[in-house]
């Protein structure tokens, strides 16, 4: 639906916004939108950082698993046949 927005449509939208809000109000709106976006990014980064820290703490509390010992080889067991085609 909006995939066909070109330069003329964008200019019309900007002119309508300029007429609605006025030239003095546009910088205020832009700066408040910038502050809002910065605050949103900061909160997302803080949330990611806290989740990462919680995950690290949980992993530190888990007991570490020892590597599995190599299986004992039976002398009587027959070796696996070789395959001719892979």
PDB file of N, CA and C in Angstrom:
ATOM      1  N   UNK A   1       0.815  -1.182   0.000  1.00  0.00           N
ATOM      2  CA  UNK A   1       0.000   0.000   0.000  1.00  0.00           C
ATOM      3  C   UNK A   1       0.865   1.255   0.000  1.00  0.00           C
ATOM      4  N   UNK A   2       1.865   1.321   0.892  1.00  0.00           N
ATOM      5  CA  UNK A   2       2.715   2.492   0.969  1.00  0.00           C
ATOM      6  C   UNK A   2       4.022   2.312   0.198  1.00  0.00           C
ATOM      7  N   UNK A   3       4.110   1.302  -0.608  1.00  0.00           N
ATOM      8  CA  UNK A   3       5.361   1.036  -1.303  1.00  0.00           C
ATOM      9  C   UNK A   3       5.589   1.993  -2.460  1.00  0.00           C
ATOM     10  N   UNK A   4       4.567   2.768  -2.843  1.00  0.00           N
ATOM     11  CA  UNK A   4       4.698   3.662  -3.987  1.00  0.00           C
ATOM     12  C   UNK A   4       4.813   5.125  -3.566  1.00  0.00           C
ATOM     13  N   UNK A   5       5.333   5.387  -2.369  1.00  0.00           N
ATOM     14  CA  UNK A   5       5.523   6.764  -1.925  1.00  0.00           C
ATOM     15  C   UNK A   5       6.820   7.277  -2.534  1.00  0.00           C
ATOM     16  N   UNK A   6       6.709   8.323  -3.302  1.00  0.00           N
ATOM     17  CA  UNK A   6       7.871   8.901  -3.961  1.00  0.00           C
ATOM     18  C   UNK A   6       8.175  10.286  -3.424  1.00  0.00           C
ATOM     19  N   UNK A   7       9.029  11.002  -4.127  1.00  0.00           N
ATOM     20  CA  UNK A   7       9.430  12.345  -3.699  1.00  0.00           C
ATOM     21  C   UNK A   7       8.254  13.328  -3.695  1.00  0.00           C
ATOM     22  N   UNK A   8       7.382  13.341  -4.713  1.00  0.00           N
ATOM     23  CA  UNK A   8       6.256  14.302  -4.662  1.00  0.00           C
ATOM     24  C   UNK A   8       5.338  14.072  -3.463  1.00  0.00           C
ATOM     25  N   UNK A   9       5.075  12.814  -3.136  1.00  0.00           N
ATOM     26  CA  UNK A   9       4.203  12.521  -1.993  1.00  0.00           C
ATOM     27  C   UNK A   9       4.837  12.962  -0.679  1.00  0.00           C
ATOM     28  N   UNK A  10       6.141  12.748  -0.562  1.00  0.00           N
ATOM     29  CA  UNK A  10       6.844  13.166   0.652  1.00  0.00           C
ATOM     30  C   UNK A  10       6.809  14.684   0.789  1.00  0.00           C
ATOM     31  N   UNK A  11       6.999  15.403  -0.313  1.00  0.00           N
ATOM     32  CA  UNK A  11       6.943  16.869  -0.269  1.00  0.00           C
ATOM     33  C   UNK A  11       5.555  17.358   0.129  1.00  0.00           C
ATOM     34  N   UNK A  12       4.515  16.723  -0.368  1.00  0.00           N
ATOM     35  CA  UNK A  12       3.146  17.107   0.010  1.00  0.00           C
ATOM     36  C   UNK A  12       2.925  16.876   1.503  1.00  0.00           C
ATOM     37  N   UNK A  13       3.398  15.752   2.028  1.00  0.00           N
ATOM     38  CA  UNK A  13       3.257  15.468   3.456  1.00  0.00           C
ATOM     39  C   UNK A  13       3.998  16.504   4.284  1.00  0.00           C
ATOM     40  N   UNK A  14       5.208  16.869   3.865  1.00  0.00           N
ATOM     41  CA  UNK A  14       5.984  17.875   4.600  1.00  0.00           C
ATOM     42  C   UNK A  14       5.312  19.238   4.578  1.00  0.00           C
ATOM     43  N   UNK A  15       4.725  19.627   3.456  1.00  0.00           N
ATOM     44  CA  UNK A  15       4.026  20.908   3.372  1.00  0.00           C
ATOM     45  C   UNK A  15       2.805  20.910   4.287  1.00  0.00           C
ATOM     46  N   UNK A  16       2.070  19.806   4.329  1.00  0.00           N
ATOM     47  CA  UNK A  16       0.901  19.717   5.212  1.00  0.00           C
ATOM     48  C   UNK A  16       1.329  19.807   6.672  1.00  0.00           C
ATOM     49  N   UNK A  17       2.403  19.130   7.037  1.00  0.00           N
ATOM     50  CA  UNK A  17       2.908  19.190   8.408  1.00  0.00           C
ATOM     51  C   UNK A  17       3.352  20.605   8.749  1.00  0.00           C
ATOM     52  N   UNK A  18       4.013  21.267   7.807  1.00  0.00           N
ATOM     53  CA  UNK A  18       4.462  22.649   8.028  1.00  0.00           C
ATOM     54  C   UNK A  18       3.268  23.575   8.229  1.00  0.00           C
ATOM     55  N   UNK A  19       2.213  23.378   7.452  1.00  0.00           N
ATOM     56  CA  UNK A  19       1.027  24.223   7.604  1.00  0.00           C
ATOM     57  C   UNK A  19       0.300  23.941   8.920  1.00  0.00           C
ATOM     58  N   UNK A  20       0.272  22.685   9.347  1.00  0.00           N
ATOM     59  CA  UNK A  20      -0.429  22.346  10.582  1.00  0.00           C
ATOM     60  C   UNK A  20       0.279  22.874  11.825  1.00  0.00           C
ATOM     61  N   UNK A  21       1.593  22.693  11.880  1.00  0.00           N
ATOM     62  CA  UNK A  21       2.320  23.020  13.103  1.00  0.00           C
ATOM     63  C   UNK A  21       3.039  24.362  13.051  1.00  0.00           C
ATOM     64  N   UNK A  22       3.372  24.861  11.901  1.00  0.00           N
ATOM     65  CA  UNK A  22       4.085  26.124  11.793  1.00  0.00           C
ATOM     66  C   UNK A  22       5.589  25.926  11.854  1.00  0.00           C
ATOM     67  N   UNK A  23       6.302  26.918  11.358  1.00  0.00           N
ATOM     68  CA  UNK A  23       7.755  26.822  11.253  1.00  0.00           C
ATOM     69  C   UNK A  23       8.436  26.870  12.626  1.00  0.00           C
ATOM     70  N   UNK A  24       7.840  27.566  13.578  1.00  0.00           N
ATOM     71  CA  UNK A  24       8.463  27.683  14.903  1.00  0.00           C
ATOM     72  C   UNK A  24       8.320  26.392  15.713  1.00  0.00           C
ATOM     73  N   UNK A  25       7.270  25.673  15.469  1.00  0.00           N
ATOM     74  CA  UNK A  25       6.979  24.477  16.268  1.00  0.00           C
ATOM     75  C   UNK A  25       7.726  23.237  15.767  1.00  0.00           C
ATOM     76  N   UNK A  26       8.104  23.193  14.489  1.00  0.00           N
ATOM     77  CA  UNK A  26       8.753  22.007  13.922  1.00  0.00           C
ATOM     78  C   UNK A  26      10.074  21.639  14.604  1.00  0.00           C
ATOM     79  N   UNK A  27      10.976  22.599  14.899  1.00  0.00           N
ATOM     80  CA  UNK A  27      12.207  22.200  15.598  1.00  0.00           C
ATOM     81  C   UNK A  27      11.941  21.610  16.983  1.00  0.00           C
ATOM     82  N   UNK A  28      10.938  22.119  17.678  1.00  0.00           N
ATOM     83  CA  UNK A  28      10.589  21.575  18.991  1.00  0.00           C
ATOM     84  C   UNK A  28      10.086  20.131  18.864  1.00  0.00           C
ATOM     85  N   UNK A  29       9.257  19.912  17.856  1.00  0.00           N
ATOM     86  CA  UNK A  29       8.734  18.559  17.634  1.00  0.00           C
ATOM     87  C   UNK A  29       9.870  17.605  17.281  1.00  0.00           C
ATOM     88  N   UNK A  30      10.787  18.047  16.421  1.00  0.00           N
ATOM     89  CA  UNK A  30      11.925  17.211  16.038  1.00  0.00           C
ATOM     90  C   UNK A  30      12.819  16.871  17.213  1.00  0.00           C
ATOM     91  N   UNK A  31      13.102  17.881  18.044  1.00  0.00           N
ATOM     92  CA  UNK A  31      13.977  17.617  19.195  1.00  0.00           C
ATOM     93  C   UNK A  31      13.291  16.701  20.207  1.00  0.00           C
ATOM     94  N   UNK A  32      11.995  16.878  20.421  1.00  0.00           N
ATOM     95  CA  UNK A  32      11.304  15.997  21.367  1.00  0.00           C
ATOM     96  C   UNK A  32      11.234  14.570  20.822  1.00  0.00           C
ATOM     97  N   UNK A  33      11.066  14.419  19.512  1.00  0.00           N
ATOM     98  CA  UNK A  33      11.083  13.077  18.932  1.00  0.00           C
ATOM     99  C   UNK A  33      12.472  12.461  19.069  1.00  0.00           C
ATOM    100  N   UNK A  34      13.516  13.238  18.856  1.00  0.00           N
ATOM    101  CA  UNK A  34      14.885  12.738  19.021  1.00  0.00           C
ATOM    102  C   UNK A  34      15.154  12.285  20.451  1.00  0.00           C
ATOM    103  N   UNK A  35      14.700  13.088  21.414  1.00  0.00           N
ATOM    104  CA  UNK A  35      14.872  12.714  22.822  1.00  0.00           C
ATOM    105  C   UNK A  35      14.116  11.428  23.144  1.00  0.00           C
ATOM    106  N   UNK A  36      12.927  11.306  22.598  1.00  0.00           N
ATOM    107  CA  UNK A  36      12.137  10.101  22.833  1.00  0.00           C
ATOM    108  C   UNK A  36      12.808   8.861  22.253  1.00  0.00           C
ATOM    109  N   UNK A  37      13.356   9.004  21.053  1.00  0.00           N
ATOM    110  CA  UNK A  37      14.043   7.867  20.417  1.00  0.00           C
ATOM    111  C   UNK A  37      15.287   7.503  21.211  1.00  0.00           C
ATOM    112  N   UNK A  38      16.047   8.502  21.653  1.00  0.00           N
ATOM    113  CA  UNK A  38      17.247   8.230  22.465  1.00  0.00           C
ATOM    114  C   UNK A  38      16.889   7.520  23.762  1.00  0.00           C
ATOM    115  N   UNK A  39      15.833   7.978  24.421  1.00  0.00           N
ATOM    116  CA  UNK A  39      15.405   7.354  25.675  1.00  0.00           C
ATOM    117  C   UNK A  39      14.953   5.916  25.438  1.00  0.00           C
ATOM    118  N   UNK A  40      14.250   5.685  24.330  1.00  0.00           N
ATOM    119  CA  UNK A  40      13.801   4.338  23.996  1.00  0.00           C
ATOM    120  C   UNK A  40      15.002   3.416  23.761  1.00  0.00           C
ATOM    121  N   UNK A  41      15.985   3.877  22.996  1.00  0.00           N
ATOM    122  CA  UNK A  41      17.187   3.066  22.745  1.00  0.00           C
ATOM    123  C   UNK A  41      17.934   2.787  24.036  1.00  0.00           C
ATOM    124  N   UNK A  42      18.008   3.801  24.914  1.00  0.00           N
ATOM    125  CA  UNK A  42      18.702   3.617  26.186  1.00  0.00           C
ATOM    126  C   UNK A  42      17.998   2.571  27.043  1.00  0.00           C
ATOM    127  N   UNK A  43      16.671   2.609  27.077  1.00  0.00           N
ATOM    128  CA  UNK A  43      15.942   1.627  27.887  1.00  0.00           C
ATOM    129  C   UNK A  43      16.084   0.226  27.303  1.00  0.00           C
ATOM    130  N   UNK A  44      16.101   0.097  25.980  1.00  0.00           N
ATOM    131  CA  UNK A  44      16.295  -1.212  25.354  1.00  0.00           C
ATOM    132  C   UNK A  44      17.685  -1.745  25.680  1.00  0.00           C
ATOM    133  N   UNK A  45      18.709  -0.895  25.601  1.00  0.00           N
ATOM    134  CA  UNK A  45      20.071  -1.324  25.928  1.00  0.00           C
ATOM    135  C   UNK A  45      20.194  -1.728  27.393  1.00  0.00           C
ATOM    136  N   UNK A  46      19.556  -0.972  28.293  1.00  0.00           N
ATOM    137  CA  UNK A  46      19.578  -1.321  29.716  1.00  0.00           C
ATOM    138  C   UNK A  46      18.891  -2.666  29.957  1.00  0.00           C
ATOM    139  N   UNK A  47      17.783  -2.886  29.278  1.00  0.00           N
ATOM    140  CA  UNK A  47      17.063  -4.150  29.422  1.00  0.00           C
ATOM    141  C   UNK A  47      17.921  -5.317  28.922  1.00  0.00           C
ATOM    142  N   UNK A  48      18.543  -5.152  27.759  1.00  0.00           N
ATOM    143  CA  UNK A  48      19.419  -6.206  27.230  1.00  0.00           C
ATOM    144  C   UNK A  48      20.587  -6.478  28.176  1.00  0.00           C
ATOM    145  N   UNK A  49      21.159  -5.422  28.734  1.00  0.00           N
ATOM    146  CA  UNK A  49      22.292  -5.567  29.641  1.00  0.00           C
ATOM    147  C   UNK A  49      21.869  -6.308  30.908  1.00  0.00           C
ATOM    148  N   UNK A  50      20.697  -5.982  31.460  1.00  0.00           N
ATOM    149  CA  UNK A  50      20.255  -6.657  32.686  1.00  0.00           C
ATOM    150  C   UNK A  50      19.932  -8.130  32.418  1.00  0.00           C
ATOM    151  N   UNK A  51      19.335  -8.427  31.261  1.00  0.00           N
ATOM    152  CA  UNK A  51      19.044  -9.822  30.922  1.00  0.00           C
ATOM    153  C   UNK A  51      20.342 -10.600  30.764  1.00  0.00           C
ATOM    154  N   UNK A  52      21.336  -9.994  30.134  1.00  0.00           N
ATOM    155  CA  UNK A  52      22.632 -10.654  29.945  1.00  0.00           C
ATOM    156  C   UNK A  52      23.299 -10.913  31.293  1.00  0.00           C
ATOM    157  N   UNK A  53      23.234  -9.948  32.213  1.00  0.00           N
ATOM    158  CA  UNK A  53      23.833 -10.134  33.527  1.00  0.00           C
ATOM    159  C   UNK A  53      23.121 -11.253  34.301  1.00  0.00           C
ATOM    160  N   UNK A  54      21.808 -11.301  34.224  1.00  0.00           N
ATOM    161  CA  UNK A  54      21.058 -12.354  34.914  1.00  0.00           C
ATOM    162  C   UNK A  54      21.422 -13.708  34.337  1.00  0.00           C
ATOM    163  N   UNK A  55      21.550 -13.783  33.016  1.00  0.00           N
ATOM    164  CA  UNK A  55      21.916 -15.043  32.369  1.00  0.00           C
ATOM    165  C   UNK A  55      23.312 -15.480  32.810  1.00  0.00           C
ATOM    166  N   UNK A  56      24.242 -14.550  32.895  1.00  0.00           N
ATOM    167  CA  UNK A  56      25.598 -14.891  33.356  1.00  0.00           C
ATOM    168  C   UNK A  56      25.589 -15.393  34.790  1.00  0.00           C
ATOM    169  N   UNK A  57      24.799 -14.750  35.650  1.00  0.00           N
ATOM    170  CA  UNK A  57      24.726 -15.173  37.048  1.00  0.00           C
ATOM    171  C   UNK A  57      24.130 -16.572  37.163  1.00  0.00           C
ATOM    172  N   UNK A  58      23.101 -16.844  36.379  1.00  0.00           N
ATOM    173  CA  UNK A  58      22.487 -18.171  36.427  1.00  0.00           C
ATOM    174  C   UNK A  58      23.453 -19.234  35.928  1.00  0.00           C
ATOM    175  N   UNK A  59      24.218 -18.925  34.895  1.00  0.00           N
ATOM    176  CA  UNK A  59      25.187 -19.888  34.385  1.00  0.00           C
ATOM    177  C   UNK A  59      26.314 -20.118  35.383  1.00  0.00           C
ATOM    178  N   UNK A  60      26.681 -19.097  36.144  1.00  0.00           N
ATOM    179  CA  UNK A  60      27.743 -19.250  37.134  1.00  0.00           C
ATOM    180  C   UNK A  60      27.283 -20.129  38.289  1.00  0.00           C
ATOM    181  N   UNK A  61      25.985 -20.108  38.598  1.00  0.00           N
ATOM    182  CA  UNK A  61      25.456 -20.914  39.698  1.00  0.00           C
ATOM    183  C   UNK A  61      25.291 -22.386  39.327  1.00  0.00           C
ATOM    184  N   UNK A  62      25.213 -22.683  38.049  1.00  0.00           N
ATOM    185  CA  UNK A  62      25.025 -24.076  37.629  1.00  0.00           C
ATOM    186  C   UNK A  62      26.305 -24.871  37.830  1.00  0.00           C
ATOM    187  N   UNK A  63      26.181 -26.120  38.265  1.00  0.00           N
ATOM    188  CA  UNK A  63      27.394 -26.943  38.386  1.00  0.00           C
ATOM    189  C   UNK A  63      27.912 -27.289  36.994  1.00  0.00           C
ATOM    190  N   UNK A  64      29.201 -27.281  36.877  1.00  0.00           N
ATOM    191  CA  UNK A  64      29.812 -27.581  35.585  1.00  0.00           C
ATOM    192  C   UNK A  64      29.827 -29.078  35.367  1.00  0.00           C
ATOM    193  N   UNK A  65      29.502 -29.483  34.170  1.00  0.00           N
ATOM    194  CA  UNK A  65      29.493 -30.901  33.845  1.00  0.00           C
ATOM    195  C   UNK A  65      30.890 -31.347  33.473  1.00  0.00           C
ATOM    196  N   UNK A  66      31.217 -32.543  33.936  1.00  0.00           N
ATOM    197  CA  UNK A  66      32.512 -33.100  33.574  1.00  0.00           C
ATOM    198  C   UNK A  66      32.384 -33.742  32.200  1.00  0.00           C
ATOM    199  N   UNK A  67      33.448 -33.697  31.422  1.00  0.00           N
ATOM    200  CA  UNK A  67      33.370 -34.347  30.109  1.00  0.00           C
ATOM    201  C   UNK A  67      33.194 -35.850  30.272  1.00  0.00           C
ATOM    202  N   UNK A  68      32.433 -36.412  29.379  1.00  0.00           N
ATOM    203  CA  UNK A  68      32.153 -37.850  29.445  1.00  0.00           C
ATOM    204  C   UNK A  68      33.423 -38.631  29.141  1.00  0.00           C
ATOM    205  N   UNK A  69      33.603 -39.706  29.886  1.00  0.00           N
ATOM    206  CA  UNK A  69      34.772 -40.554  29.668  1.00  0.00           C
ATOM    207  C   UNK A  69      34.596 -41.332  28.371  1.00  0.00           C
ATOM    208  N   UNK A  70      35.700 -41.673  27.754  1.00  0.00           N
ATOM    209  CA  UNK A  70      35.645 -42.441  26.513  1.00  0.00           C
ATOM    210  C   UNK A  70      35.042 -43.812  26.814  1.00  0.00           C
ATOM    211  N   UNK A  71      34.170 -44.294  25.952  1.00  0.00           N
ATOM    212  CA  UNK A  71      33.546 -45.595  26.218  1.00  0.00           C
ATOM    213  C   UNK A  71      34.590 -46.710  26.164  1.00  0.00           C
ATOM    214  N   UNK A  72      34.352 -47.697  26.998  1.00  0.00           N
ATOM    215  CA  UNK A  72      35.245 -48.852  27.029  1.00  0.00           C
ATOM    216  C   UNK A  72      35.049 -49.657  25.759  1.00  0.00           C
ATOM    217  N   UNK A  73      36.133 -50.089  25.164  1.00  0.00           N
ATOM    218  CA  UNK A  73      36.063 -50.854  23.922  1.00  0.00           C
ATOM    219  C   UNK A  73      36.114 -52.342  24.251  1.00  0.00           C
ATOM    220  N   UNK A  74      35.136 -53.031  23.788  1.00  0.00           N
ATOM    221  CA  UNK A  74      35.120 -54.477  24.000  1.00  0.00           C
ATOM    222  C   UNK A  74      36.031 -55.129  22.977  1.00  0.00           C
ATOM    223  N   UNK A  75      36.794 -56.065  23.457  1.00  0.00           N
ATOM    224  CA  UNK A  75      37.707 -56.775  22.562  1.00  0.00           C
ATOM    225  C   UNK A  75      36.945 -57.702  21.618  1.00  0.00           C
ATOM    226  N   UNK A  76      35.778 -58.177  22.066  1.00  0.00           N
ATOM    227  CA  UNK A  76      35.010 -59.115  21.265  1.00  0.00           C
ATOM    228  C   UNK A  76      34.119 -58.414  20.233  1.00  0.00           C
ATOM    229  N   UNK A  77      33.928 -57.111  20.373  1.00  0.00           N
ATOM    230  CA  UNK A  77      33.029 -56.406  19.467  1.00  0.00           C
ATOM    231  C   UNK A  77      33.656 -56.315  18.082  1.00  0.00           C
ATOM    232  N   UNK A  78      32.817 -56.468  17.080  1.00  0.00           N
ATOM    233  CA  UNK A  78      33.309 -56.399  15.715  1.00  0.00           C
ATOM    234  C   UNK A  78      33.353 -54.934  15.266  1.00  0.00           C
ATOM    235  N   UNK A  79      34.363 -54.554  14.503  1.00  0.00           N
ATOM    236  CA  UNK A  79      34.426 -53.180  14.040  1.00  0.00           C
ATOM    237  C   UNK A  79      33.339 -52.922  13.012  1.00  0.00           C
ATOM    238  N   UNK A  80      32.986 -51.681  12.878  1.00  0.00           N
ATOM    239  CA  UNK A  80      31.940 -51.299  11.927  1.00  0.00           C
ATOM    240  C   UNK A  80      32.476 -51.479  10.505  1.00  0.00           C
ATOM    241  N   UNK A  81      31.682 -52.048   9.616  1.00  0.00           N
ATOM    242  CA  UNK A  81      32.156 -52.255   8.244  1.00  0.00           C
ATOM    243  C   UNK A  81      32.347 -50.935   7.532  1.00  0.00           C
ATOM    244  N   UNK A  82      33.316 -50.901   6.622  1.00  0.00           N
ATOM    245  CA  UNK A  82      33.588 -49.692   5.859  1.00  0.00           C
ATOM    246  C   UNK A  82      32.533 -49.550   4.767  1.00  0.00           C
ATOM    247  N   UNK A  83      32.141 -48.308   4.524  1.00  0.00           N
ATOM    248  CA  UNK A  83      31.159 -48.054   3.499  1.00  0.00           C
ATOM    249  C   UNK A  83      31.894 -47.737   2.195  1.00  0.00           C
ATOM    250  N   UNK A  84      31.401 -48.275   1.111  1.00  0.00           N
ATOM    251  CA  UNK A  84      32.031 -48.024  -0.173  1.00  0.00           C
ATOM    252  C   UNK A  84      31.609 -46.695  -0.773  1.00  0.00           C
ATOM    253  N   UNK A  85      30.359 -46.326  -0.578  1.00  0.00           N
ATOM    254  CA  UNK A  85      29.854 -45.056  -1.089  1.00  0.00           C
ATOM    255  C   UNK A  85      29.453 -44.180   0.076  1.00  0.00           C
ATOM    256  N   UNK A  86      29.779 -42.920  -0.028  1.00  0.00           N
ATOM    257  CA  UNK A  86      29.429 -41.986   1.046  1.00  0.00           C
ATOM    258  C   UNK A  86      28.080 -41.392   0.842  1.00  0.00           C
TER     259      UNK A  86
END
